[in-house]
PDB file of N, CA and C in Angstrom:
ATOM      1  N   MET A   1       3.927 -25.549   1.439  1.00  0.00           N
ATOM      2  CA  MET A   1       2.632 -24.579   1.720  1.00  0.00           C
ATOM      3  C   MET A   1       3.693 -23.281   1.746  1.00  0.00           C
ATOM      4  N   ALA A   2       2.556 -22.826   0.475  1.00  0.00           N
ATOM      5  CA  ALA A   2       3.371 -21.000   0.188  1.00  0.00           C
ATOM      6  C   ALA A   2       2.812 -20.069   1.118  1.00  0.00           C
ATOM      7  N   ALA A   3       3.381 -19.168   1.071  1.00  0.00           N
ATOM      8  CA  ALA A   3       2.783 -17.997   2.749  1.00  0.00           C
ATOM      9  C   ALA A   3       1.876 -17.269   1.937  1.00  0.00           C
ATOM     10  N   PRO A   4       1.296 -16.941   2.732  1.00  0.00           N
ATOM     11  CA  PRO A   4       0.241 -15.827   2.102  1.00  0.00           C
ATOM     12  C   PRO A   4       0.241 -14.142   1.530  1.00  0.00           C
ATOM     13  N   ARG A   5      -0.110 -14.434   0.557  1.00  0.00           N
ATOM     14  CA  ARG A   5       0.165 -13.059   0.375  1.00  0.00           C
ATOM     15  C   ARG A   5      -0.502 -12.124   0.910  1.00  0.00           C
ATOM     16  N   LYS A   6       0.146 -10.393   1.100  1.00  0.00           N
ATOM     17  CA  LYS A   6      -0.248  -9.702   1.950  1.00  0.00           C
ATOM     18  C   LYS A   6      -1.050  -8.487   1.418  1.00  0.00           C
ATOM     19  N   ILE A   7      -1.711  -7.797   1.922  1.00  0.00           N
ATOM     20  CA  ILE A   7      -2.277  -6.474   1.207  1.00  0.00           C
ATOM     21  C   ILE A   7      -2.607  -5.794   2.221  1.00  0.00           C
ATOM     22  N   LEU A   8      -1.712  -4.195   2.042  1.00  0.00           N
ATOM     23  CA  LEU A   8      -1.983  -3.548   3.006  1.00  0.00           C
ATOM     24  C   LEU A   8      -3.043  -2.714   2.345  1.00  0.00           C
ATOM     25  N   ILE A   9      -3.811  -2.180   3.334  1.00  0.00           N
ATOM     26  CA  ILE A   9      -5.247  -1.151   2.910  1.00  0.00           C
ATOM     27  C   ILE A   9      -4.771   0.131   4.000  1.00  0.00           C
ATOM     28  N   VAL A  10      -4.860   1.345   3.518  1.00  0.00           N
ATOM     29  CA  VAL A  10      -4.702   2.532   3.603  1.00  0.00           C
ATOM     30  C   VAL A  10      -5.925   3.258   3.169  1.00  0.00           C
ATOM     31  N   ASP A  11      -6.287   4.048   4.346  1.00  0.00           N
ATOM     32  CA  ASP A  11      -7.598   4.642   4.245  1.00  0.00           C
ATOM     33  C   ASP A  11      -7.982   5.567   5.265  1.00  0.00           C
ATOM     34  N   PRO A  12      -8.027   6.377   5.287  1.00  0.00           N
ATOM     35  CA  PRO A  12      -8.515   7.451   7.123  1.00  0.00           C
ATOM     36  C   PRO A  12      -9.881   6.924   7.431  1.00  0.00           C
ATOM     37  N   ASP A  13     -10.315   6.193   6.483  1.00  0.00           N
ATOM     38  CA  ASP A  13     -11.955   5.682   7.230  1.00  0.00           C
ATOM     39  C   ASP A  13     -11.370   4.014   7.460  1.00  0.00           C
ATOM     40  N   PRO A  14     -11.390   4.003   8.979  1.00  0.00           N
ATOM     41  CA  PRO A  14     -11.383   2.507   9.444  1.00  0.00           C
ATOM     42  C   PRO A  14     -12.761   1.300   8.599  1.00  0.00           C
ATOM     43  N   SER A  15     -13.753   1.832   8.247  1.00  0.00           N
ATOM     44  CA  SER A  15     -15.176   1.058   8.343  1.00  0.00           C
ATOM     45  C   SER A  15     -14.475   0.755   6.681  1.00  0.00           C
ATOM     46  N   VAL A  16     -13.094   0.950   6.110  1.00  0.00           N
ATOM     47  CA  VAL A  16     -13.349   0.338   4.551  1.00  0.00           C
ATOM     48  C   VAL A  16     -12.240  -0.970   4.795  1.00  0.00           C
ATOM     49  N   ALA A  17     -11.301  -0.519   5.385  1.00  0.00           N
ATOM     50  CA  ALA A  17     -10.023  -1.868   5.980  1.00  0.00           C
ATOM     51  C   ALA A  17     -11.110  -2.901   6.472  1.00  0.00           C
ATOM     52  N   ARG A  18     -11.981  -2.517   7.432  1.00  0.00           N
ATOM     53  CA  ARG A  18     -13.153  -3.569   7.874  1.00  0.00           C
ATOM     54  C   ARG A  18     -13.691  -4.624   6.721  1.00  0.00           C
ATOM     55  N   SER A  19     -14.586  -3.784   5.676  1.00  0.00           N
ATOM     56  CA  SER A  19     -15.119  -4.132   5.036  1.00  0.00           C
ATOM     57  C   SER A  19     -14.842  -5.500   4.225  1.00  0.00           C
ATOM     58  N   LEU A  20     -13.404  -4.924   3.988  1.00  0.00           N
ATOM     59  CA  LEU A  20     -12.759  -5.322   2.799  1.00  0.00           C
ATOM     60  C   LEU A  20     -11.781  -6.601   3.079  1.00  0.00           C
ATOM     61  N   ALA A  21     -11.488  -6.910   4.473  1.00  0.00           N
ATOM     62  CA  ALA A  21     -10.647  -7.644   5.288  1.00  0.00           C
ATOM     63  C   ALA A  21     -11.237  -8.870   5.200  1.00  0.00           C
ATOM     64  N   PRO A  22     -12.553  -9.500   5.054  1.00  0.00           N
ATOM     65  CA  PRO A  22     -13.183 -10.716   6.145  1.00  0.00           C
ATOM     66  C   PRO A  22     -12.851 -11.231   4.122  1.00  0.00           C
ATOM     67  N   ALA A  23     -13.548 -10.271   3.516  1.00  0.00           N
ATOM     68  CA  ALA A  23     -13.467 -11.496   1.738  1.00  0.00           C
ATOM     69  C   ALA A  23     -12.365 -11.802   1.045  1.00  0.00           C
ATOM     70  N   LEU A  24     -11.118 -10.776   1.931  1.00  0.00           N
ATOM     71  CA  LEU A  24     -10.152 -10.776   1.585  1.00  0.00           C
ATOM     72  C   LEU A  24      -9.139 -12.262   2.192  1.00  0.00           C
ATOM     73  N   ARG A  25      -8.884 -11.986   3.476  1.00  0.00           N
ATOM     74  CA  ARG A  25      -9.344 -12.883   4.359  1.00  0.00           C
ATOM     75  C   ARG A  25      -9.539 -14.844   3.736  1.00  0.00           C
ATOM     76  N   GLN A  26     -10.924 -14.164   3.851  1.00  0.00           N
ATOM     77  CA  GLN A  26     -12.065 -15.757   3.431  1.00  0.00           C
ATOM     78  C   GLN A  26     -11.051 -16.678   2.198  1.00  0.00           C
ATOM     79  N   ARG A  27     -10.302 -15.736   0.891  1.00  0.00           N
ATOM     80  CA  ARG A  27      -9.745 -15.939   0.281  1.00  0.00           C
ATOM     81  C   ARG A  27      -7.921 -16.260   0.662  1.00  0.00           C
ATOM     82  N   GLY A  28      -7.466 -16.335   1.371  1.00  0.00           N
ATOM     83  CA  GLY A  28      -6.541 -16.184   1.682  1.00  0.00           C
ATOM     84  C   GLY A  28      -5.307 -15.255   2.045  1.00  0.00           C
ATOM     85  N   TYR A  29      -5.700 -14.577   1.963  1.00  0.00           N
ATOM     86  CA  TYR A  29      -4.920 -13.226   1.913  1.00  0.00           C
ATOM     87  C   TYR A  29      -4.732 -12.663   3.523  1.00  0.00           C
ATOM     88  N   GLN A  30      -3.524 -12.638   3.710  1.00  0.00           N
ATOM     89  CA  GLN A  30      -3.201 -11.625   4.644  1.00  0.00           C
ATOM     90  C   GLN A  30      -3.406 -10.079   4.757  1.00  0.00           C
ATOM     91  N   VAL A  31      -4.052  -9.735   6.096  1.00  0.00           N
ATOM     92  CA  VAL A  31      -4.381  -8.034   5.126  1.00  0.00           C
ATOM     93  C   VAL A  31      -4.451  -7.277   6.890  1.00  0.00           C
ATOM     94  N   HIS A  32      -3.897  -5.971   5.978  1.00  0.00           N
ATOM     95  CA  HIS A  32      -2.949  -5.073   7.477  1.00  0.00           C
ATOM     96  C   HIS A  32      -3.691  -3.775   6.949  1.00  0.00           C
ATOM     97  N   GLY A  33      -4.111  -3.230   8.082  1.00  0.00           N
ATOM     98  CA  GLY A  33      -4.416  -1.360   8.095  1.00  0.00           C
ATOM     99  C   GLY A  33      -3.606  -0.542   8.182  1.00  0.00           C
ATOM    100  N   ALA A  34      -4.439   0.336   7.665  1.00  0.00           N
ATOM    101  CA  ALA A  34      -3.696   2.098   8.393  1.00  0.00           C
ATOM    102  C   ALA A  34      -4.621   2.876   7.845  1.00  0.00           C
ATOM    103  N   ARG A  35      -4.036   4.181   9.281  1.00  0.00           N
ATOM    104  CA  ARG A  35      -5.182   5.011   8.736  1.00  0.00           C
ATOM    105  C   ARG A  35      -4.223   6.596   7.800  1.00  0.00           C
ATOM    106  N   ASP A  36      -3.501   6.073   7.952  1.00  0.00           N
ATOM    107  CA  ASP A  36      -2.195   7.608   7.537  1.00  0.00           C
ATOM    108  C   ASP A  36      -0.955   6.815   7.110  1.00  0.00           C
ATOM    109  N   GLY A  37      -0.668   7.819   5.835  1.00  0.00           N
ATOM    110  CA  GLY A  37       1.010   8.183   5.080  1.00  0.00           C
ATOM    111  C   GLY A  37       2.029   7.113   6.269  1.00  0.00           C
ATOM    112  N   THR A  38       1.528   7.603   7.506  1.00  0.00           N
ATOM    113  CA  THR A  38       3.272   7.498   8.275  1.00  0.00           C
ATOM    114  C   THR A  38       2.997   6.256   8.242  1.00  0.00           C
ATOM    115  N   ARG A  39       2.331   5.642   8.786  1.00  0.00           N
ATOM    116  CA  ARG A  39       1.898   4.346   9.788  1.00  0.00           C
ATOM    117  C   ARG A  39       1.904   3.520   8.518  1.00  0.00           C
ATOM    118  N   ALA A  40       1.235   3.919   7.352  1.00  0.00           N
ATOM    119  CA  ALA A  40       1.434   3.127   6.288  1.00  0.00           C
ATOM    120  C   ALA A  40       2.694   2.713   5.678  1.00  0.00           C
ATOM    121  N   LEU A  41       4.039   3.408   6.675  1.00  0.00           N
ATOM    122  CA  LEU A  41       5.081   3.517   5.166  1.00  0.00           C
ATOM    123  C   LEU A  41       5.774   2.398   6.730  1.00  0.00           C
ATOM    124  N   GLN A  42       5.139   1.924   7.780  1.00  0.00           N
ATOM    125  CA  GLN A  42       5.805   1.574   9.120  1.00  0.00           C
ATOM    126  C   GLN A  42       5.396   0.161   8.944  1.00  0.00           C
ATOM    127  N   VAL A  43       4.054  -0.109   8.704  1.00  0.00           N
ATOM    128  CA  VAL A  43       3.175  -1.464   8.364  1.00  0.00           C
ATOM    129  C   VAL A  43       4.100  -2.286   7.237  1.00  0.00           C
ATOM    130  N   ALA A  44       4.503  -1.300   5.929  1.00  0.00           N
ATOM    131  CA  ALA A  44       4.985  -1.793   4.762  1.00  0.00           C
ATOM    132  C   ALA A  44       6.587  -1.946   4.818  1.00  0.00           C
ATOM    133  N   ILE A  45       7.117  -1.855   5.733  1.00  0.00           N
ATOM    134  CA  ILE A  45       8.558  -1.511   5.864  1.00  0.00           C
ATOM    135  C   ILE A  45       8.494  -3.180   6.972  1.00  0.00           C
ATOM    136  N   LEU A  46       7.589  -3.237   7.854  1.00  0.00           N
ATOM    137  CA  LEU A  46       7.728  -4.731   8.700  1.00  0.00           C
ATOM    138  C   LEU A  46       7.392  -5.520   8.018  1.00  0.00           C
ATOM    139  N   ARG A  47       5.841  -5.605   6.879  1.00  0.00           N
ATOM    140  CA  ARG A  47       5.246  -6.638   6.627  1.00  0.00           C
ATOM    141  C   ARG A  47       5.854  -6.694   5.118  1.00  0.00           C
ATOM    142  N   LEU A  48       6.084  -5.936   4.522  1.00  0.00           N
ATOM    143  CA  LEU A  48       6.897  -6.287   2.849  1.00  0.00           C
ATOM    144  C   LEU A  48       5.034  -6.595   2.403  1.00  0.00           C
ATOM    145  N   PRO A  49       3.998  -5.871   1.880  1.00  0.00           N
ATOM    146  CA  PRO A  49       2.818  -6.049   1.474  1.00  0.00           C
ATOM    147  C   PRO A  49       3.547  -6.918   0.029  1.00  0.00           C
ATOM    148  N   ASP A  50       2.836  -7.176  -0.776  1.00  0.00           N
ATOM    149  CA  ASP A  50       2.891  -7.938  -1.969  1.00  0.00           C
ATOM    150  C   ASP A  50       1.848  -6.760  -2.713  1.00  0.00           C
ATOM    151  N   LEU A  51       0.287  -6.216  -1.867  1.00  0.00           N
ATOM    152  CA  LEU A  51      -0.507  -5.296  -3.035  1.00  0.00           C
ATOM    153  C   LEU A  51      -0.813  -3.949  -1.435  1.00  0.00           C
ATOM    154  N   VAL A  52      -0.584  -2.717  -2.061  1.00  0.00           N
ATOM    155  CA  VAL A  52      -1.139  -1.782  -1.528  1.00  0.00           C
ATOM    156  C   VAL A  52      -2.180  -1.029  -1.989  1.00  0.00           C
ATOM    157  N   LEU A  53      -3.224  -1.043  -1.251  1.00  0.00           N
ATOM    158  CA  LEU A  53      -4.425  -0.069  -1.594  1.00  0.00           C
ATOM    159  C   LEU A  53      -4.647   0.952  -1.093  1.00  0.00           C
ATOM    160  N   PHE A  54      -4.681   2.346  -1.281  1.00  0.00           N
ATOM    161  CA  PHE A  54      -5.123   3.395  -0.690  1.00  0.00           C
ATOM    162  C   PHE A  54      -5.635   4.463  -1.220  1.00  0.00           C
ATOM    163  N   ASP A  55      -6.059   5.197  -0.153  1.00  0.00           N
ATOM    164  CA  ASP A  55      -7.350   6.223  -0.997  1.00  0.00           C
ATOM    165  C   ASP A  55      -6.559   7.427  -1.155  1.00  0.00           C
ATOM    166  N   GLU A  56      -6.953   8.253  -2.351  1.00  0.00           N
ATOM    167  CA  GLU A  56      -6.164   9.503  -2.538  1.00  0.00           C
ATOM    168  C   GLU A  56      -5.833  10.835  -1.284  1.00  0.00           C
ATOM    169  N   ALA A  57      -7.167  10.293  -0.427  1.00  0.00           N
ATOM    170  CA  ALA A  57      -7.368  11.603   0.655  1.00  0.00           C
ATOM    171  C   ALA A  57      -6.519  11.085   2.236  1.00  0.00           C
ATOM    172  N   THR A  58      -5.726   9.707   1.901  1.00  0.00           N
ATOM    173  CA  THR A  58      -4.855   9.471   3.348  1.00  0.00           C
ATOM    174  C   THR A  58      -4.216  10.677   3.722  1.00  0.00           C
ATOM    175  N   PRO A  59      -3.912  11.455   4.929  1.00  0.00           N
ATOM    176  CA  PRO A  59      -3.834  12.278   5.128  1.00  0.00           C
ATOM    177  C   PRO A  59      -1.869  11.701   5.096  1.00  0.00           C
ATOM    178  N   LEU A  60      -0.902  12.798   5.020  1.00  0.00           N
ATOM    179  CA  LEU A  60       0.190  12.484   5.122  1.00  0.00           C
ATOM    180  C   LEU A  60       0.725  11.553   4.143  1.00  0.00           C
ATOM    181  N   LEU A  61       0.158  11.085   3.029  1.00  0.00           N
ATOM    182  CA  LEU A  61       0.263  10.994   2.015  1.00  0.00           C
ATOM    183  C   LEU A  61      -0.021  11.352   0.856  1.00  0.00           C
ATOM    184  N   ASP A  62       0.747  11.407  -0.253  1.00  0.00           N
ATOM    185  CA  ASP A  62      -0.055  12.094  -1.559  1.00  0.00           C
ATOM    186  C   ASP A  62       0.070  11.064  -2.977  1.00  0.00           C
ATOM    187  N   ALA A  63      -0.842  10.314  -2.661  1.00  0.00           N
ATOM    188  CA  ALA A  63      -1.035   9.154  -3.514  1.00  0.00           C
ATOM    189  C   ALA A  63      -0.333   9.208  -4.970  1.00  0.00           C
ATOM    190  N   ALA A  64       0.015   9.828  -5.537  1.00  0.00           N
ATOM    191  CA  ALA A  64       0.380   9.841  -7.180  1.00  0.00           C
ATOM    192  C   ALA A  64       2.365  10.073  -6.790  1.00  0.00           C
ATOM    193  N   PRO A  65       3.174  10.605  -5.749  1.00  0.00           N
ATOM    194  CA  PRO A  65       4.067  10.677  -5.823  1.00  0.00           C
ATOM    195  C   PRO A  65       4.482   9.165  -5.462  1.00  0.00           C
ATOM    196  N   SER A  66       3.243   8.709  -4.468  1.00  0.00           N
ATOM    197  CA  SER A  66       4.099   7.365  -3.594  1.00  0.00           C
ATOM    198  C   SER A  66       3.811   6.206  -4.045  1.00  0.00           C
ATOM    199  N   SER A  67       2.758   6.187  -5.250  1.00  0.00           N
ATOM    200  CA  SER A  67       2.737   5.177  -6.400  1.00  0.00           C
ATOM    201  C   SER A  67       3.838   4.992  -7.036  1.00  0.00           C
ATOM    202  N   ALA A  68       4.006   6.191  -7.576  1.00  0.00           N
ATOM    203  CA  ALA A  68       5.370   6.762  -8.847  1.00  0.00           C
ATOM    204  C   ALA A  68       6.464   5.915  -7.767  1.00  0.00           C
ATOM    205  N   SER A  69       6.987   6.449  -6.779  1.00  0.00           N
ATOM    206  CA  SER A  69       7.576   5.992  -6.455  1.00  0.00           C
ATOM    207  C   SER A  69       8.375   4.280  -5.959  1.00  0.00           C
ATOM    208  N   CYS A  70       7.138   4.017  -6.308  1.00  0.00           N
ATOM    209  CA  CYS A  70       7.174   2.428  -5.993  1.00  0.00           C
ATOM    210  C   CYS A  70       7.185   1.966  -7.015  1.00  0.00           C
ATOM    211  N   GLY A  71       6.884   2.555  -8.372  1.00  0.00           N
ATOM    212  CA  GLY A  71       7.297   2.139  -9.170  1.00  0.00           C
ATOM    213  C   GLY A  71       8.181   1.701  -9.891  1.00  0.00           C
ATOM    214  N   PRO A  72       8.267   0.908 -11.109  1.00  0.00           N
ATOM    215  CA  PRO A  72       9.613   1.017 -11.657  1.00  0.00           C
ATOM    216  C   PRO A  72      10.320   2.813 -11.984  1.00  0.00           C
ATOM    217  N   THR A  73      11.852   2.746 -11.873  1.00  0.00           N
ATOM    218  CA  THR A  73      11.804   3.876 -11.842  1.00  0.00           C
ATOM    219  C   THR A  73      12.774   3.810 -13.680  1.00  0.00           C
ATOM    220  N   ARG A  74      12.714   4.535 -14.650  1.00  0.00           N
ATOM    221  CA  ARG A  74      13.143   5.167 -15.797  1.00  0.00           C
ATOM    222  C   ARG A  74      14.692   5.643 -15.749  1.00  0.00           C
ATOM    223  N   ALA A  75      15.513   5.579 -16.628  1.00  0.00           N
ATOM    224  CA  ALA A  75      16.705   5.725 -17.083  1.00  0.00           C
ATOM    225  C   ALA A  75      16.958   7.398 -17.184  1.00  0.00           C
ATOM    226  N   PRO A  76      17.546   8.215 -16.391  1.00  0.00           N
ATOM    227  CA  PRO A  76      17.889   9.950 -16.528  1.00  0.00           C
ATOM    228  C   PRO A  76      17.963   9.655 -17.769  1.00  0.00           C
ATOM    229  N   SER A  77      17.554  11.028 -18.829  1.00  0.00           N
ATOM    230  CA  SER A  77      17.705  11.116 -20.443  1.00  0.00           C
ATOM    231  C   SER A  77      18.691  11.506 -20.284  1.00  0.00           C
ATOM    232  N   ALA A  78      20.045  11.073 -21.807  1.00  0.00           N
ATOM    233  CA  ALA A  78      20.928  11.481 -21.621  1.00  0.00           C
ATOM    234  C   ALA A  78      21.504  12.799 -22.534  1.00  0.00           C
ATOM    235  N   SER A  79      22.482  13.401 -22.253  1.00  0.00           N
ATOM    236  CA  SER A  79      22.768  15.060 -21.967  1.00  0.00           C
ATOM    237  C   SER A  79      23.203  15.119 -23.667  1.00  0.00           C
ATOM    238  N   ARG A  80      22.989  15.833 -23.788  1.00  0.00           N
ATOM    239  CA  ARG A  80      24.249  16.407 -25.195  1.00  0.00           C
ATOM    240  C   ARG A  80      25.230  17.251 -24.694  1.00  0.00           C
ATOM    241  N   TRP A  81      26.565  17.273 -24.862  1.00  0.00           N
ATOM    242  CA  TRP A  81      27.476  17.953 -24.468  1.00  0.00           C
ATOM    243  C   TRP A  81      27.583  19.090 -25.568  1.00  0.00           C
TER     244      TRP A  81
END
């Protein structure tokens, strides 16, 4: 049997994770929650989620740079001498 997929929900409002979690668990996902960026990083390191959903208003986490750092990286441009 395959391990369940893990989802981390990061939102300063805990009711968001509470409202999403039952439906996701019913579909076989393992759900974890975090209310701020520091806790989100801790949970992500410990649980290695397959997907992270987070609100841009999450404290101590700027959504744009964080999502960019998780995505594919580009090779630096070649410079001419």
